[in-house]
């Protein structure tokens, strides 16, 4: 019960966009983060259903993702710019480039798409501050065994034993 109260006290992470200028500024300031944009309408039932999931995802991915909501009725120009015909519609944008666009209130689809671009939250959270996000280098054992597999063995003429390599 205490965790529910704690969640209610958390500040909202989903940013509601009110104009094209506001959108452009937010995309510009996103820096190296991915941006998940939801185009929604207040009268859209599926949009209302996915809303709480987006807030949760915004918290899970906050170090690598911004989550924006754009009401299509209040921002017709943006809806037209991105050819939005159904709600909710989602975009993944990074460095002002749309990487993916999809439709529907399927929270699993949104989560899978975020993992595709940002990785799994538990994997990112395992990285300690001050350490590299790059996994430790492993010896190239697999590469070496591949070399052994594809490197031909030089045989002495008329012999069943390999020749000495010099």
N, C-alpha and C. Protein backbone atom coordinates (compact mmCIF):
# COMPACT_ATOMS: atom_id res chain seq x y z
N UNK A 1 0.82 -1.19 0.00
CA UNK A 1 0.00 0.00 0.00
C UNK A 1 0.86 1.25 0.00
N UNK A 2 1.99 1.18 0.70
CA UNK A 2 2.88 2.34 0.76
C UNK A 2 3.46 2.67 -0.60
N UNK A 3 3.75 1.63 -1.39
CA UNK A 3 4.32 1.90 -2.71
C UNK A 3 3.32 2.61 -3.60
N UNK A 4 2.03 2.31 -3.47
CA UNK A 4 1.00 3.01 -4.25
C UNK A 4 0.97 4.49 -3.90
N UNK A 5 1.10 4.79 -2.61
CA UNK A 5 1.12 6.19 -2.20
C UNK A 5 2.37 6.87 -2.72
N UNK A 6 3.49 6.15 -2.71
CA UNK A 6 4.73 6.71 -3.22
C UNK A 6 4.60 7.03 -4.71
N UNK A 7 3.97 6.12 -5.48
CA UNK A 7 3.80 6.34 -6.91
C UNK A 7 2.95 7.58 -7.19
N UNK A 8 1.96 7.83 -6.37
CA UNK A 8 1.10 8.99 -6.57
C UNK A 8 1.85 10.29 -6.33
N UNK A 9 2.88 10.23 -5.50
CA UNK A 9 3.67 11.43 -5.18
C UNK A 9 4.78 11.69 -6.18
N UNK A 10 5.05 10.71 -7.05
CA UNK A 10 6.10 10.90 -8.06
C UNK A 10 5.65 11.94 -9.07
N UNK A 11 6.56 12.78 -9.49
CA UNK A 11 6.18 13.74 -10.55
C UNK A 11 5.92 13.00 -11.86
N UNK A 12 5.02 13.54 -12.64
CA UNK A 12 4.68 12.95 -13.94
C UNK A 12 5.88 13.10 -14.87
N UNK A 13 6.17 12.04 -15.60
CA UNK A 13 7.30 12.05 -16.54
C UNK A 13 6.84 12.28 -17.98
N UNK A 14 5.58 11.97 -18.28
CA UNK A 14 5.07 12.15 -19.64
C UNK A 14 4.82 13.64 -19.85
N UNK A 15 5.36 14.17 -20.94
CA UNK A 15 5.26 15.60 -21.25
C UNK A 15 4.13 15.81 -22.25
N UNK A 16 3.19 16.68 -21.92
CA UNK A 16 2.10 17.00 -22.84
C UNK A 16 2.53 18.20 -23.69
N UNK A 17 2.51 18.00 -24.99
CA UNK A 17 2.92 19.04 -25.95
C UNK A 17 1.69 19.88 -26.29
N UNK A 18 1.86 21.20 -26.28
CA UNK A 18 0.73 22.10 -26.52
C UNK A 18 0.77 22.81 -27.86
N UNK A 19 1.93 22.76 -28.55
CA UNK A 19 2.03 23.45 -29.84
C UNK A 19 3.18 22.86 -30.66
N UNK A 20 3.22 23.19 -31.92
CA UNK A 20 4.31 22.75 -32.79
C UNK A 20 5.64 23.32 -32.30
N UNK A 21 5.63 24.57 -31.89
CA UNK A 21 6.86 25.20 -31.37
C UNK A 21 7.35 24.45 -30.12
N UNK A 22 6.42 24.10 -29.25
CA UNK A 22 6.74 23.34 -28.04
C UNK A 22 7.34 21.98 -28.42
N UNK A 23 6.75 21.32 -29.41
CA UNK A 23 7.24 20.03 -29.90
C UNK A 23 8.65 20.17 -30.47
N UNK A 24 8.84 21.14 -31.35
CA UNK A 24 10.14 21.34 -31.99
C UNK A 24 11.23 21.61 -30.95
N UNK A 25 10.91 22.42 -29.96
CA UNK A 25 11.87 22.76 -28.89
C UNK A 25 12.21 21.51 -28.08
N UNK A 26 11.21 20.72 -27.74
CA UNK A 26 11.43 19.51 -26.94
C UNK A 26 12.27 18.49 -27.70
N UNK A 27 11.99 18.32 -28.99
CA UNK A 27 12.77 17.40 -29.82
C UNK A 27 14.22 17.90 -29.91
N UNK A 28 14.40 19.19 -30.07
CA UNK A 28 15.74 19.79 -30.15
C UNK A 28 16.52 19.54 -28.86
N UNK A 29 15.85 19.71 -27.72
CA UNK A 29 16.51 19.59 -26.42
C UNK A 29 16.65 18.13 -25.93
N UNK A 30 16.09 17.18 -26.68
CA UNK A 30 16.15 15.78 -26.26
C UNK A 30 17.59 15.25 -26.25
N UNK A 31 18.45 15.92 -27.00
CA UNK A 31 19.85 15.50 -27.03
C UNK A 31 20.00 14.10 -27.58
N UNK A 32 20.66 13.23 -26.83
CA UNK A 32 20.96 11.87 -27.27
C UNK A 32 19.84 10.88 -26.92
N UNK A 33 18.77 11.38 -26.31
CA UNK A 33 17.68 10.49 -25.91
C UNK A 33 16.76 10.18 -27.08
N UNK A 34 16.14 9.01 -27.02
CA UNK A 34 15.06 8.67 -27.92
C UNK A 34 13.82 9.40 -27.42
N UNK A 35 12.87 9.66 -28.31
CA UNK A 35 11.62 10.31 -27.93
C UNK A 35 10.48 9.42 -28.41
N UNK A 36 9.63 9.02 -27.45
CA UNK A 36 8.41 8.29 -27.79
C UNK A 36 7.29 9.32 -27.81
N UNK A 37 6.62 9.44 -28.95
CA UNK A 37 5.53 10.40 -29.10
C UNK A 37 4.23 9.62 -29.25
N UNK A 38 3.25 9.95 -28.40
CA UNK A 38 1.92 9.36 -28.55
C UNK A 38 0.99 10.44 -29.07
N UNK A 39 0.38 10.19 -30.21
CA UNK A 39 -0.69 11.06 -30.71
C UNK A 39 -1.99 10.46 -30.17
N UNK A 40 -2.76 11.26 -29.45
CA UNK A 40 -3.97 10.77 -28.80
C UNK A 40 -5.11 11.77 -28.98
N UNK A 41 -6.29 11.36 -28.53
CA UNK A 41 -7.44 12.26 -28.46
C UNK A 41 -8.13 12.02 -27.12
N UNK A 42 -8.70 13.06 -26.54
CA UNK A 42 -9.35 12.92 -25.24
C UNK A 42 -10.55 11.99 -25.30
N UNK A 43 -11.19 11.88 -26.45
CA UNK A 43 -12.36 11.03 -26.63
C UNK A 43 -12.01 9.60 -27.00
N UNK A 44 -10.72 9.29 -27.12
CA UNK A 44 -10.25 7.97 -27.57
C UNK A 44 -10.10 7.03 -26.36
N UNK A 45 -10.94 5.99 -26.31
CA UNK A 45 -10.90 5.02 -25.23
C UNK A 45 -9.57 4.28 -25.12
N UNK A 46 -9.06 3.72 -26.23
CA UNK A 46 -7.76 3.03 -26.16
C UNK A 46 -6.62 3.95 -25.71
N UNK A 47 -6.71 5.22 -26.04
CA UNK A 47 -5.69 6.18 -25.59
C UNK A 47 -5.70 6.30 -24.07
N UNK A 48 -6.90 6.34 -23.49
CA UNK A 48 -7.03 6.43 -22.04
C UNK A 48 -6.49 5.18 -21.35
N UNK A 49 -6.67 4.04 -22.01
CA UNK A 49 -6.22 2.77 -21.42
C UNK A 49 -4.69 2.70 -21.38
N UNK A 50 -4.02 3.17 -22.41
CA UNK A 50 -2.56 3.05 -22.47
C UNK A 50 -1.84 4.15 -21.67
N UNK A 51 -2.54 5.21 -21.34
CA UNK A 51 -1.93 6.33 -20.62
C UNK A 51 -1.11 5.95 -19.39
N UNK A 52 -1.68 5.18 -18.44
CA UNK A 52 -0.90 4.79 -17.26
C UNK A 52 0.34 3.97 -17.60
N UNK A 53 0.25 3.15 -18.64
CA UNK A 53 1.41 2.36 -19.06
C UNK A 53 2.54 3.28 -19.55
N UNK A 54 2.17 4.35 -20.25
CA UNK A 54 3.17 5.29 -20.76
C UNK A 54 3.89 5.99 -19.60
N UNK A 55 3.15 6.34 -18.57
CA UNK A 55 3.75 6.97 -17.39
C UNK A 55 4.75 6.02 -16.75
N UNK A 56 4.38 4.74 -16.64
CA UNK A 56 5.28 3.73 -16.08
C UNK A 56 6.54 3.59 -16.94
N UNK A 57 6.35 3.54 -18.26
CA UNK A 57 7.49 3.40 -19.17
C UNK A 57 8.38 4.64 -19.12
N UNK A 58 7.78 5.81 -18.98
CA UNK A 58 8.57 7.04 -18.87
C UNK A 58 9.47 6.98 -17.65
N UNK A 59 9.00 6.40 -16.56
CA UNK A 59 9.82 6.25 -15.36
C UNK A 59 10.90 5.19 -15.57
N UNK A 60 10.55 4.06 -16.18
CA UNK A 60 11.51 2.98 -16.39
C UNK A 60 12.65 3.38 -17.31
N UNK A 61 12.35 4.19 -18.32
CA UNK A 61 13.33 4.53 -19.35
C UNK A 61 13.82 5.97 -19.25
N UNK A 62 13.64 6.62 -18.11
CA UNK A 62 13.89 8.06 -18.02
C UNK A 62 15.31 8.48 -18.39
N UNK A 63 16.31 7.62 -18.21
CA UNK A 63 17.68 8.03 -18.53
C UNK A 63 17.98 7.99 -20.03
N UNK A 64 17.12 7.33 -20.82
CA UNK A 64 17.40 7.24 -22.26
C UNK A 64 16.22 7.64 -23.14
N UNK A 65 15.11 8.10 -22.53
CA UNK A 65 13.88 8.32 -23.30
C UNK A 65 13.05 9.47 -22.74
N UNK A 66 12.48 10.26 -23.64
CA UNK A 66 11.44 11.22 -23.29
C UNK A 66 10.13 10.68 -23.84
N UNK A 67 9.05 10.85 -23.10
CA UNK A 67 7.73 10.43 -23.57
C UNK A 67 6.87 11.68 -23.71
N UNK A 68 6.35 11.87 -24.91
CA UNK A 68 5.52 13.04 -25.21
C UNK A 68 4.12 12.58 -25.60
N UNK A 69 3.12 13.40 -25.24
CA UNK A 69 1.74 13.17 -25.66
C UNK A 69 1.29 14.40 -26.44
N UNK A 70 0.64 14.14 -27.58
CA UNK A 70 0.15 15.23 -28.42
C UNK A 70 -1.33 14.98 -28.72
N UNK A 71 -2.18 15.90 -28.30
CA UNK A 71 -3.61 15.80 -28.58
C UNK A 71 -3.83 16.22 -30.04
N UNK A 72 -4.35 15.28 -30.85
CA UNK A 72 -4.51 15.56 -32.28
C UNK A 72 -5.53 16.67 -32.55
N UNK A 73 -6.51 16.82 -31.67
CA UNK A 73 -7.52 17.86 -31.86
C UNK A 73 -6.94 19.25 -31.60
N UNK A 74 -5.95 19.34 -30.73
CA UNK A 74 -5.33 20.63 -30.42
C UNK A 74 -4.10 20.91 -31.27
N UNK A 75 -3.58 19.90 -31.95
CA UNK A 75 -2.34 20.03 -32.72
C UNK A 75 -2.50 19.39 -34.09
N UNK A 76 -3.44 19.90 -34.87
CA UNK A 76 -3.76 19.35 -36.19
C UNK A 76 -2.53 19.39 -37.10
N UNK A 77 -1.75 20.46 -37.02
CA UNK A 77 -0.58 20.59 -37.90
C UNK A 77 0.42 19.45 -37.67
N UNK A 78 0.67 19.11 -36.42
CA UNK A 78 1.60 18.01 -36.13
C UNK A 78 1.00 16.66 -36.57
N UNK A 79 -0.29 16.48 -36.35
CA UNK A 79 -0.94 15.23 -36.77
C UNK A 79 -0.84 15.07 -38.28
N UNK A 80 -1.02 16.15 -39.01
CA UNK A 80 -0.90 16.10 -40.47
C UNK A 80 0.55 15.87 -40.89
N UNK A 81 1.48 16.53 -40.21
CA UNK A 81 2.90 16.38 -40.55
C UNK A 81 3.33 14.92 -40.47
N UNK A 82 2.82 14.19 -39.48
CA UNK A 82 3.21 12.79 -39.29
C UNK A 82 2.16 11.80 -39.83
N UNK A 83 1.20 12.31 -40.60
CA UNK A 83 0.20 11.49 -41.26
C UNK A 83 -0.53 10.57 -40.27
N UNK A 84 -1.03 11.18 -39.20
CA UNK A 84 -1.74 10.43 -38.16
C UNK A 84 -3.20 10.28 -38.55
N UNK A 85 -3.64 9.02 -38.68
CA UNK A 85 -5.01 8.72 -39.06
C UNK A 85 -5.75 7.93 -37.99
N UNK A 86 -5.04 7.31 -37.07
CA UNK A 86 -5.63 6.48 -36.02
C UNK A 86 -5.00 6.85 -34.68
N UNK A 87 -5.77 6.64 -33.62
CA UNK A 87 -5.25 6.90 -32.29
C UNK A 87 -5.41 5.65 -31.43
N UNK A 88 -4.45 5.44 -30.54
CA UNK A 88 -3.20 6.16 -30.44
C UNK A 88 -2.21 5.74 -31.53
N UNK A 89 -1.43 6.69 -31.98
CA UNK A 89 -0.33 6.45 -32.91
C UNK A 89 0.96 6.83 -32.20
N UNK A 90 2.00 6.08 -32.45
CA UNK A 90 3.28 6.30 -31.78
C UNK A 90 4.39 6.51 -32.77
N UNK A 91 5.34 7.34 -32.38
CA UNK A 91 6.57 7.57 -33.13
C UNK A 91 7.74 7.34 -32.18
N UNK A 92 8.82 6.84 -32.72
CA UNK A 92 10.10 6.85 -32.01
C UNK A 92 10.99 7.77 -32.83
N UNK A 93 11.49 8.82 -32.18
CA UNK A 93 12.33 9.81 -32.84
C UNK A 93 13.65 9.89 -32.10
N UNK A 94 14.72 10.02 -32.87
CA UNK A 94 16.03 10.30 -32.27
C UNK A 94 16.78 11.21 -33.22
N UNK A 95 17.39 12.24 -32.68
CA UNK A 95 18.14 13.21 -33.48
C UNK A 95 17.28 13.76 -34.62
N UNK A 96 16.02 14.04 -34.31
CA UNK A 96 15.05 14.63 -35.24
C UNK A 96 14.65 13.70 -36.39
N UNK A 97 15.00 12.42 -36.30
CA UNK A 97 14.67 11.45 -37.34
C UNK A 97 13.66 10.45 -36.78
N UNK A 98 12.58 10.23 -37.52
CA UNK A 98 11.59 9.23 -37.12
C UNK A 98 12.14 7.85 -37.45
N UNK A 99 12.34 7.04 -36.42
CA UNK A 99 12.91 5.70 -36.58
C UNK A 99 11.83 4.64 -36.78
N UNK A 100 10.67 4.87 -36.15
CA UNK A 100 9.58 3.90 -36.27
C UNK A 100 8.27 4.60 -35.98
N UNK A 101 7.20 4.11 -36.62
CA UNK A 101 5.86 4.62 -36.40
C UNK A 101 4.91 3.44 -36.39
N UNK A 102 4.01 3.39 -35.38
CA UNK A 102 3.05 2.30 -35.29
C UNK A 102 1.78 2.78 -34.60
N UNK A 103 0.73 1.98 -34.71
CA UNK A 103 -0.59 2.35 -34.22
C UNK A 103 -1.09 1.29 -33.25
N UNK A 104 -1.84 1.72 -32.24
CA UNK A 104 -2.53 0.79 -31.35
C UNK A 104 -2.19 0.98 -29.90
N UNK A 105 -3.10 0.52 -29.04
CA UNK A 105 -2.92 0.69 -27.60
C UNK A 105 -2.36 -0.56 -26.93
N UNK A 106 -1.57 -1.32 -27.65
CA UNK A 106 -0.96 -2.53 -27.13
C UNK A 106 0.30 -2.16 -26.34
N UNK A 107 0.20 -2.22 -25.02
CA UNK A 107 1.32 -1.83 -24.17
C UNK A 107 2.54 -2.72 -24.40
N UNK A 108 2.32 -4.01 -24.70
CA UNK A 108 3.45 -4.90 -24.98
C UNK A 108 4.20 -4.47 -26.24
N UNK A 109 3.47 -4.03 -27.26
CA UNK A 109 4.10 -3.57 -28.50
C UNK A 109 4.95 -2.33 -28.21
N UNK A 110 4.42 -1.42 -27.41
CA UNK A 110 5.17 -0.21 -27.05
C UNK A 110 6.43 -0.61 -26.27
N UNK A 111 6.27 -1.50 -25.30
CA UNK A 111 7.41 -1.95 -24.47
C UNK A 111 8.47 -2.62 -25.33
N UNK A 112 8.06 -3.50 -26.23
CA UNK A 112 9.00 -4.20 -27.11
C UNK A 112 9.74 -3.21 -28.00
N UNK A 113 9.03 -2.23 -28.50
CA UNK A 113 9.66 -1.22 -29.36
C UNK A 113 10.67 -0.40 -28.57
N UNK A 114 10.33 -0.03 -27.34
CA UNK A 114 11.28 0.72 -26.51
C UNK A 114 12.52 -0.12 -26.21
N UNK A 115 12.33 -1.41 -25.95
CA UNK A 115 13.46 -2.29 -25.68
C UNK A 115 14.36 -2.40 -26.91
N UNK A 116 13.75 -2.39 -28.07
CA UNK A 116 14.52 -2.45 -29.33
C UNK A 116 15.48 -1.27 -29.44
N UNK A 117 15.04 -0.10 -29.01
CA UNK A 117 15.86 1.10 -29.16
C UNK A 117 16.65 1.45 -27.89
N UNK A 118 16.13 1.13 -26.72
CA UNK A 118 16.76 1.54 -25.47
C UNK A 118 17.32 0.39 -24.64
N UNK A 119 16.99 -0.84 -24.99
CA UNK A 119 17.38 -1.97 -24.18
C UNK A 119 16.38 -2.21 -23.06
N UNK A 120 16.57 -3.30 -22.34
CA UNK A 120 15.66 -3.63 -21.23
C UNK A 120 16.04 -2.81 -20.01
N UNK A 121 15.04 -2.32 -19.26
CA UNK A 121 15.35 -1.50 -18.08
C UNK A 121 16.26 -2.22 -17.09
N UNK A 122 16.04 -3.51 -16.85
CA UNK A 122 16.86 -4.22 -15.87
C UNK A 122 18.31 -4.33 -16.32
N UNK A 123 18.55 -4.39 -17.63
CA UNK A 123 19.92 -4.44 -18.14
C UNK A 123 20.62 -3.09 -17.96
N UNK A 124 19.89 -2.02 -18.20
CA UNK A 124 20.47 -0.68 -18.06
C UNK A 124 20.71 -0.34 -16.60
N UNK A 125 19.82 -0.77 -15.72
CA UNK A 125 19.94 -0.45 -14.30
C UNK A 125 21.07 -1.22 -13.64
N UNK A 126 21.53 -2.31 -14.25
CA UNK A 126 22.61 -3.10 -13.69
C UNK A 126 23.96 -2.41 -13.85
N UNK A 127 24.05 -1.41 -14.70
CA UNK A 127 25.30 -0.70 -14.93
C UNK A 127 25.50 0.31 -13.80
N UNK A 128 26.61 0.21 -13.14
CA UNK A 128 26.91 1.09 -12.02
C UNK A 128 27.45 2.43 -12.52
N UNK A 129 27.15 3.51 -11.81
CA UNK A 129 27.69 4.81 -12.22
C UNK A 129 29.20 4.78 -12.26
N UNK A 130 29.77 5.40 -13.27
CA UNK A 130 31.22 5.47 -13.40
C UNK A 130 31.82 4.28 -14.13
N UNK A 131 30.97 3.31 -14.50
CA UNK A 131 31.48 2.17 -15.26
C UNK A 131 31.00 2.26 -16.68
N UNK A 132 31.63 1.52 -17.52
CA UNK A 132 31.29 1.54 -18.94
C UNK A 132 30.03 0.72 -19.19
N UNK A 133 29.21 1.19 -20.13
CA UNK A 133 28.02 0.44 -20.52
C UNK A 133 28.40 -0.71 -21.45
N UNK A 134 29.64 -0.69 -21.95
CA UNK A 134 30.10 -1.72 -22.87
C UNK A 134 30.46 -2.97 -22.07
N UNK A 135 30.00 -4.12 -22.50
CA UNK A 135 30.35 -5.34 -21.78
C UNK A 135 31.85 -5.60 -21.84
N UNK A 136 32.35 -6.33 -20.85
CA UNK A 136 33.78 -6.64 -20.79
C UNK A 136 34.18 -7.44 -22.03
N UNK A 137 35.37 -7.17 -22.51
CA UNK A 137 35.87 -7.88 -23.69
C UNK A 137 36.10 -9.34 -23.32
N UNK A 138 35.67 -10.23 -24.17
CA UNK A 138 35.89 -11.65 -23.96
C UNK A 138 36.97 -12.12 -24.92
N UNK A 139 37.72 -13.11 -24.53
CA UNK A 139 38.74 -13.61 -25.44
C UNK A 139 38.07 -14.11 -26.72
N UNK A 140 38.75 -13.97 -27.82
CA UNK A 140 38.13 -14.35 -29.11
C UNK A 140 38.16 -15.85 -29.35
N UNK A 141 37.72 -16.63 -28.36
CA UNK A 141 37.76 -18.08 -28.47
C UNK A 141 36.90 -18.57 -29.63
N UNK A 142 35.73 -18.04 -29.75
CA UNK A 142 34.85 -18.49 -30.82
C UNK A 142 35.48 -18.18 -32.18
N UNK A 143 36.09 -17.02 -32.28
CA UNK A 143 36.75 -16.64 -33.53
C UNK A 143 37.90 -17.59 -33.82
N UNK A 144 38.68 -17.92 -32.80
CA UNK A 144 39.82 -18.82 -33.00
C UNK A 144 39.35 -20.21 -33.43
N UNK A 145 38.27 -20.70 -32.82
CA UNK A 145 37.79 -22.02 -33.21
C UNK A 145 37.24 -21.99 -34.64
N UNK A 146 36.68 -20.86 -35.04
CA UNK A 146 36.23 -20.72 -36.42
C UNK A 146 37.41 -20.75 -37.37
N UNK A 147 38.50 -20.09 -37.00
CA UNK A 147 39.70 -20.11 -37.83
C UNK A 147 40.23 -21.52 -38.00
N UNK A 148 40.24 -22.27 -36.90
CA UNK A 148 40.72 -23.65 -36.97
C UNK A 148 39.83 -24.47 -37.89
N UNK A 149 38.55 -24.17 -37.87
CA UNK A 149 37.60 -24.92 -38.69
C UNK A 149 37.80 -24.64 -40.17
N UNK A 150 38.07 -23.40 -40.52
CA UNK A 150 38.15 -23.05 -41.93
C UNK A 150 39.57 -23.04 -42.49
N UNK A 151 40.58 -23.11 -41.63
CA UNK A 151 41.96 -23.13 -42.11
C UNK A 151 42.31 -24.54 -42.56
N UNK A 152 42.75 -24.70 -43.79
CA UNK A 152 43.07 -26.05 -44.28
C UNK A 152 44.35 -26.57 -43.62
N UNK A 153 44.36 -27.85 -43.41
CA UNK A 153 45.55 -28.51 -42.87
C UNK A 153 46.43 -28.88 -44.06
N UNK A 154 47.70 -28.51 -43.94
CA UNK A 154 48.64 -28.80 -45.03
C UNK A 154 49.20 -30.19 -44.80
N UNK A 155 49.03 -31.04 -45.76
CA UNK A 155 49.48 -32.43 -45.65
C UNK A 155 50.77 -32.61 -46.45
N UNK A 156 51.67 -33.46 -45.93
CA UNK A 156 52.86 -33.83 -46.68
C UNK A 156 52.40 -34.71 -47.84
N UNK A 157 53.05 -34.58 -48.95
CA UNK A 157 52.69 -35.47 -50.07
C UNK A 157 52.87 -36.93 -49.65
N UNK A 158 51.94 -37.74 -50.00
CA UNK A 158 51.97 -39.17 -49.70
C UNK A 158 52.08 -39.47 -48.22
N UNK A 159 51.39 -38.66 -47.39
CA UNK A 159 51.45 -38.89 -45.96
C UNK A 159 50.09 -38.64 -45.36
N UNK A 160 49.83 -39.28 -44.26
CA UNK A 160 48.56 -39.03 -43.60
C UNK A 160 48.74 -38.10 -42.38
N UNK A 161 50.00 -37.61 -42.20
CA UNK A 161 50.27 -36.69 -41.08
C UNK A 161 50.42 -35.27 -41.62
N UNK A 162 49.95 -34.28 -40.83
CA UNK A 162 50.14 -32.89 -41.26
C UNK A 162 51.60 -32.52 -41.35
N UNK A 163 51.93 -31.64 -42.27
CA UNK A 163 53.30 -31.16 -42.43
C UNK A 163 53.64 -30.21 -41.30
N UNK A 164 54.94 -30.11 -40.99
CA UNK A 164 55.40 -29.15 -39.99
C UNK A 164 55.25 -27.75 -40.54
N UNK A 165 54.72 -26.86 -39.74
CA UNK A 165 54.57 -25.47 -40.20
C UNK A 165 55.85 -24.73 -39.83
N UNK A 166 56.36 -23.94 -40.74
CA UNK A 166 57.61 -23.22 -40.49
C UNK A 166 57.37 -21.73 -40.52
